Amino acid sequence: MYYSSANVSERQAAPPSLAISTVIFALRPSATSGRPTIWLPLVRRIREPFKGLWALPGGPLSHDESLQDAAARNLRETTGLAPSYLEQLYAFGGLHRSPTQRVVSIVYWALVQPTEAALADESENVRWFRADRLGELAFDHHAIVEYALWRLRNKLAYGSVAYHLLGEYFTLAQVREVYEAVLDRQLDPANFRRQLKSTPEIEETGEYLQGGKHRPPRLYRFTGRPGLDPDNRSTP
């Protein structure tokens, strides 16, 4: 365990530090089943505290930038990712989340499509991990990821989840795979298809997915407003 050289009284007198972190979820195929699963990029810490452990992308807040601008900048500098939108997830400010000083983290999150995720700068210190198979992370970042997954599962009623993870056009089977990846359980295809087709913000495009061996499935699109808020609700 790393301990700051500052004594206890100095640490208690110092004002809290404000930091920004980001949780980015994307679909990637499972190495065993090939089915879509939820992944996120993590960054290996190269200095204390928690040197060598993986952590969420992030960093300090500058005096001359907004919270969202800081989140976008930190994410771009550490991973190369630049999602089309970032939304504030929560503020984490536990008294003992850092061994050096009091740190309050403002966490942003986003869902990105596989084409966006493929642009991430992977290296020895930047890597994608399955969200449900994480080891020990720095600070309280494991709890932050768990909270983000909980929020995502509760937002599956919002039609924009499929839009952000799959792209503008998708099949009903692809949407079902998104739900199964987030919920970590299989769903009845017939029931899911019937319920999803009745949602108002997902409509047929008149086009079909080409390239398969069987009858091409219909393509659909999300017609609601992008984002993960209750205004985009459509319950399948």
Protein backbone atom coordinates (compact mmCIF):
# COMPACT_ATOMS: atom_id res chain seq x y z
CA MET A 1 0.00 0.00 0.00
CA TYR A 2 1.25 3.44 -0.89
CA TYR A 3 1.17 6.20 1.70
CA SER A 4 1.71 9.88 1.08
CA SER A 5 4.65 11.60 2.74
CA ALA A 6 2.27 14.22 4.08
CA ASN A 7 1.24 13.63 7.67
CA VAL A 8 -2.32 13.09 8.75
CA SER A 9 -2.93 16.69 9.84
CA GLU A 10 -1.62 18.04 6.52
CA ARG A 11 -3.88 15.69 4.57
CA GLN A 12 -6.89 16.69 6.62
CA ALA A 13 -6.17 20.39 6.14
CA ALA A 14 -5.71 20.12 2.36
CA PRO A 15 -8.81 20.94 0.26
CA PRO A 16 -10.37 18.03 -1.68
CA SER A 17 -9.05 17.42 -5.17
CA LEU A 18 -11.51 17.23 -8.08
CA ALA A 19 -10.99 14.62 -10.79
CA ILE A 20 -12.83 13.38 -13.87
CA SER A 21 -13.30 9.73 -14.86
CA THR A 22 -15.10 8.07 -17.77
CA VAL A 23 -16.88 4.74 -18.25
CA ILE A 24 -17.17 3.74 -21.92
CA PHE A 25 -19.20 0.64 -22.79
CA ALA A 26 -19.04 -1.13 -26.16
CA LEU A 27 -20.06 -4.49 -27.60
CA ARG A 28 -17.35 -7.03 -28.38
CA PRO A 29 -17.69 -10.74 -29.13
CA SER A 30 -17.03 -13.23 -26.36
CA ALA A 31 -13.81 -15.18 -26.89
CA THR A 32 -15.63 -18.44 -26.10
CA SER A 33 -19.18 -18.16 -27.46
CA GLY A 34 -18.74 -15.38 -30.02
CA ARG A 35 -21.86 -13.65 -28.69
CA PRO A 36 -21.76 -9.90 -28.00
CA THR A 37 -20.65 -8.93 -24.49
CA ILE A 38 -20.08 -5.59 -22.73
CA TRP A 39 -16.50 -4.33 -22.66
CA LEU A 40 -14.79 -1.13 -21.47
CA PRO A 41 -11.32 0.42 -21.85
CA LEU A 42 -9.05 0.71 -18.82
CA VAL A 43 -5.73 2.48 -18.32
CA ARG A 44 -2.83 1.05 -16.32
CA ARG A 45 -1.59 3.47 -13.65
CA ILE A 46 2.09 4.28 -14.03
CA ARG A 47 2.50 6.12 -10.72
CA GLU A 48 1.39 5.85 -7.10
CA PRO A 49 -1.07 5.45 -5.62
CA PHE A 50 -2.09 2.05 -7.00
CA LYS A 51 0.83 1.91 -9.45
CA GLY A 52 0.41 -1.01 -11.85
CA LEU A 53 -3.34 -1.44 -11.31
CA TRP A 54 -5.91 -0.79 -14.02
CA ALA A 55 -8.19 2.22 -13.70
CA LEU A 56 -10.87 4.12 -15.56
CA PRO A 57 -9.61 6.74 -18.02
CA GLY A 58 -9.52 10.15 -16.41
CA GLY A 59 -7.47 12.83 -14.77
CA PRO A 60 -7.57 16.18 -12.97
CA LEU A 61 -9.88 19.04 -13.83
CA SER A 62 -8.24 22.18 -15.23
CA HIS A 63 -9.31 25.65 -14.14
CA ASP A 64 -10.27 26.75 -17.67
CA GLU A 65 -12.53 23.92 -18.88
CA SER A 66 -16.00 22.59 -18.16
CA LEU A 67 -16.58 19.19 -16.58
CA GLN A 68 -17.70 17.67 -19.88
CA ASP A 69 -14.80 19.21 -21.79
CA ALA A 70 -12.40 17.79 -19.21
CA ALA A 71 -13.98 14.33 -19.53
CA ALA A 72 -13.70 14.44 -23.32
CA ARG A 73 -10.09 15.68 -23.19
CA ASN A 74 -8.94 13.08 -20.65
CA LEU A 75 -10.62 10.30 -22.61
CA ARG A 76 -9.09 11.45 -25.89
CA GLU A 77 -5.61 11.82 -24.41
CA THR A 78 -5.59 8.43 -22.68
CA THR A 79 -7.47 6.20 -25.15
CA GLY A 80 -7.93 8.16 -28.38
CA LEU A 81 -11.71 7.78 -28.08
CA ALA A 82 -13.99 10.71 -28.89
CA PRO A 83 -17.65 9.65 -28.40
CA SER A 84 -20.31 11.82 -30.01
CA TYR A 85 -21.77 12.46 -26.57
CA LEU A 86 -20.84 12.06 -22.91
CA GLU A 87 -23.35 12.17 -20.07
CA GLN A 88 -22.68 12.69 -16.39
CA LEU A 89 -23.16 9.47 -14.46
CA TYR A 90 -22.56 10.30 -10.79
CA ALA A 91 -20.17 11.92 -8.32
CA PHE A 92 -18.05 9.65 -6.10
CA GLY A 93 -16.51 11.22 -3.03
CA GLY A 94 -15.95 8.57 -0.38
CA LEU A 95 -13.71 9.73 2.46
CA HIS A 96 -11.12 6.98 1.96
CA ARG A 97 -11.22 6.31 -1.79
CA SER A 98 -7.65 7.63 -2.15
CA PRO A 99 -4.79 6.99 0.31
CA THR A 100 -3.07 10.31 -0.45
CA GLN A 101 -5.71 13.02 -0.22
CA ARG A 102 -9.45 13.55 -0.42
CA VAL A 103 -10.49 13.11 -4.08
CA VAL A 104 -13.96 13.68 -5.50
CA SER A 105 -14.50 12.19 -8.96
CA ILE A 106 -17.15 13.36 -11.40
CA VAL A 107 -17.84 10.36 -13.64
CA TYR A 108 -19.09 10.56 -17.20
CA TRP A 109 -20.21 7.65 -19.34
CA ALA A 110 -21.14 6.79 -22.91
CA LEU A 111 -22.08 3.88 -25.14
CA VAL A 112 -20.03 3.59 -28.32
CA GLN A 113 -20.48 1.52 -31.46
CA PRO A 114 -17.93 -1.16 -32.44
CA THR A 115 -16.56 1.07 -35.21
CA GLU A 116 -15.86 3.80 -32.63
CA ALA A 117 -14.41 1.32 -30.14
CA ALA A 118 -12.01 0.02 -32.80
CA LEU A 119 -10.40 3.47 -32.93
CA ALA A 120 -9.16 3.25 -29.34
CA ASP A 121 -5.40 3.37 -28.87
CA GLU A 122 -4.59 -0.03 -27.35
CA SER A 123 -1.13 -0.49 -25.88
CA GLU A 124 0.65 -1.98 -22.91
CA ASN A 125 -1.13 0.53 -20.68
CA VAL A 126 -4.49 0.83 -22.47
CA ARG A 127 -6.63 -2.27 -22.92
CA TRP A 128 -10.27 -3.38 -23.28
CA PHE A 129 -11.75 -5.65 -20.59
CA ARG A 130 -15.02 -7.53 -20.24
CA ALA A 131 -17.13 -5.53 -17.82
CA ASP A 132 -18.29 -8.62 -15.93
CA ARG A 133 -14.79 -10.11 -15.51
CA LEU A 134 -12.73 -7.37 -13.95
CA GLY A 135 -10.01 -7.98 -11.41
CA GLU A 136 -8.87 -5.52 -8.78
CA LEU A 137 -9.00 -1.91 -9.96
CA ALA A 138 -7.45 1.25 -8.56
CA PHE A 139 -9.34 3.41 -6.08
CA ASP A 140 -13.07 2.54 -6.03
CA HIS A 141 -13.28 2.12 -9.80
CA HIS A 142 -14.69 -1.41 -9.54
CA ALA A 143 -17.66 -0.01 -7.63
CA ILE A 144 -18.03 2.74 -10.24
CA VAL A 145 -18.18 0.17 -13.06
CA GLU A 146 -20.75 -1.87 -11.13
CA TYR A 147 -22.86 1.24 -10.64
CA ALA A 148 -22.62 2.08 -14.35
CA LEU A 149 -23.71 -1.46 -15.28
CA TRP A 150 -26.64 -1.18 -12.88
CA ARG A 151 -27.66 2.11 -14.50
CA LEU A 152 -27.34 0.58 -17.95
CA ARG A 153 -29.57 -2.35 -17.04
CA ASN A 154 -32.18 0.05 -15.70
CA LYS A 155 -32.03 2.08 -18.91
CA LEU A 156 -32.76 -0.81 -21.25
CA ALA A 157 -36.31 0.52 -21.53
CA TYR A 158 -34.85 3.49 -23.43
CA GLY A 159 -34.73 2.71 -27.15
CA SER A 160 -31.53 4.73 -27.60
CA VAL A 161 -29.45 1.96 -25.97
CA ALA A 162 -29.57 -0.05 -29.19
CA TYR A 163 -28.95 3.08 -31.25
CA HIS A 164 -25.75 3.95 -29.39
CA LEU A 165 -24.33 0.42 -29.30
CA LEU A 166 -25.32 -0.75 -32.79
CA GLY A 167 -25.50 2.27 -35.03
CA GLU A 168 -28.20 3.90 -37.12
CA TYR A 169 -29.58 0.67 -38.62
CA PHE A 170 -29.97 -2.71 -36.92
CA THR A 171 -31.96 -5.93 -36.96
CA LEU A 172 -34.29 -7.02 -34.18
CA ALA A 173 -31.98 -9.96 -33.49
CA GLN A 174 -29.09 -7.57 -32.95
CA VAL A 175 -31.15 -5.56 -30.48
CA ARG A 176 -31.99 -8.76 -28.61
CA GLU A 177 -28.28 -9.58 -28.42
CA VAL A 178 -27.68 -6.15 -26.84
CA TYR A 179 -30.31 -6.85 -24.18
CA GLU A 180 -28.88 -10.31 -23.53
CA ALA A 181 -25.35 -8.89 -23.21
CA VAL A 182 -26.43 -6.22 -20.72
CA LEU A 183 -28.73 -8.49 -18.71
CA ASP A 184 -26.33 -11.47 -18.96
CA ARG A 185 -29.15 -13.90 -19.75
CA GLN A 186 -30.92 -15.21 -22.83
CA LEU A 187 -34.34 -13.93 -23.88
CA ASP A 188 -37.13 -15.65 -25.78
CA PRO A 189 -36.67 -14.50 -29.41
CA ALA A 190 -40.37 -14.62 -30.38
CA ASN A 191 -41.60 -12.68 -27.33
CA PHE A 192 -38.82 -10.12 -27.61
CA ARG A 193 -39.47 -9.57 -31.31
CA ARG A 194 -43.20 -9.06 -30.75
CA GLN A 195 -42.68 -6.61 -27.90
CA LEU A 196 -39.93 -4.66 -29.64
CA LYS A 197 -41.96 -4.19 -32.83
CA SER A 198 -44.67 -2.49 -30.77
CA THR A 199 -42.34 0.22 -29.40
CA PRO A 200 -42.97 3.66 -30.97
CA GLU A 201 -39.34 4.84 -31.44
CA ILE A 202 -38.11 1.82 -33.43
CA GLU A 203 -39.42 1.62 -37.00
CA GLU A 204 -38.81 -0.38 -40.16
CA THR A 205 -36.56 1.16 -42.79
CA GLY A 206 -37.76 -0.89 -45.75
CA GLU A 207 -34.21 -2.20 -46.17
CA TYR A 208 -32.71 -5.61 -45.44
CA LEU A 209 -29.38 -6.81 -44.06
CA GLN A 210 -27.46 -8.38 -46.92
CA GLY A 211 -24.66 -10.90 -46.97
CA GLY A 212 -26.13 -13.80 -44.97
CA LYS A 213 -26.80 -17.35 -46.09
CA HIS A 214 -30.49 -17.23 -45.21
CA ARG A 215 -33.40 -14.89 -45.84
CA PRO A 216 -32.12 -11.36 -45.09
CA PRO A 217 -33.63 -9.80 -41.95
CA ARG A 218 -35.31 -6.41 -41.96
CA LEU A 219 -33.37 -3.36 -40.84
CA TYR A 220 -34.84 -0.98 -38.26
CA ARG A 221 -33.82 2.40 -36.91
CA PHE A 222 -34.27 4.40 -33.72
CA THR A 223 -36.30 7.59 -34.25
CA GLY A 224 -36.13 9.07 -30.75
CA ARG A 225 -33.69 11.64 -29.41
CA PRO A 226 -30.14 10.37 -28.74
CA GLY A 227 -29.17 10.08 -25.09
CA LEU A 228 -29.85 7.91 -22.06
CA ASP A 229 -32.60 9.86 -20.34
CA PRO A 230 -36.28 9.12 -19.66
CA ASP A 231 -37.40 11.19 -22.65
CA ASN A 232 -36.21 8.33 -24.86
CA ARG A 233 -38.22 5.65 -23.12
CA SER A 234 -39.62 2.81 -25.20
CA THR A 235 -40.34 -0.42 -23.34
CA PRO A 236 -39.90 -3.63 -25.37
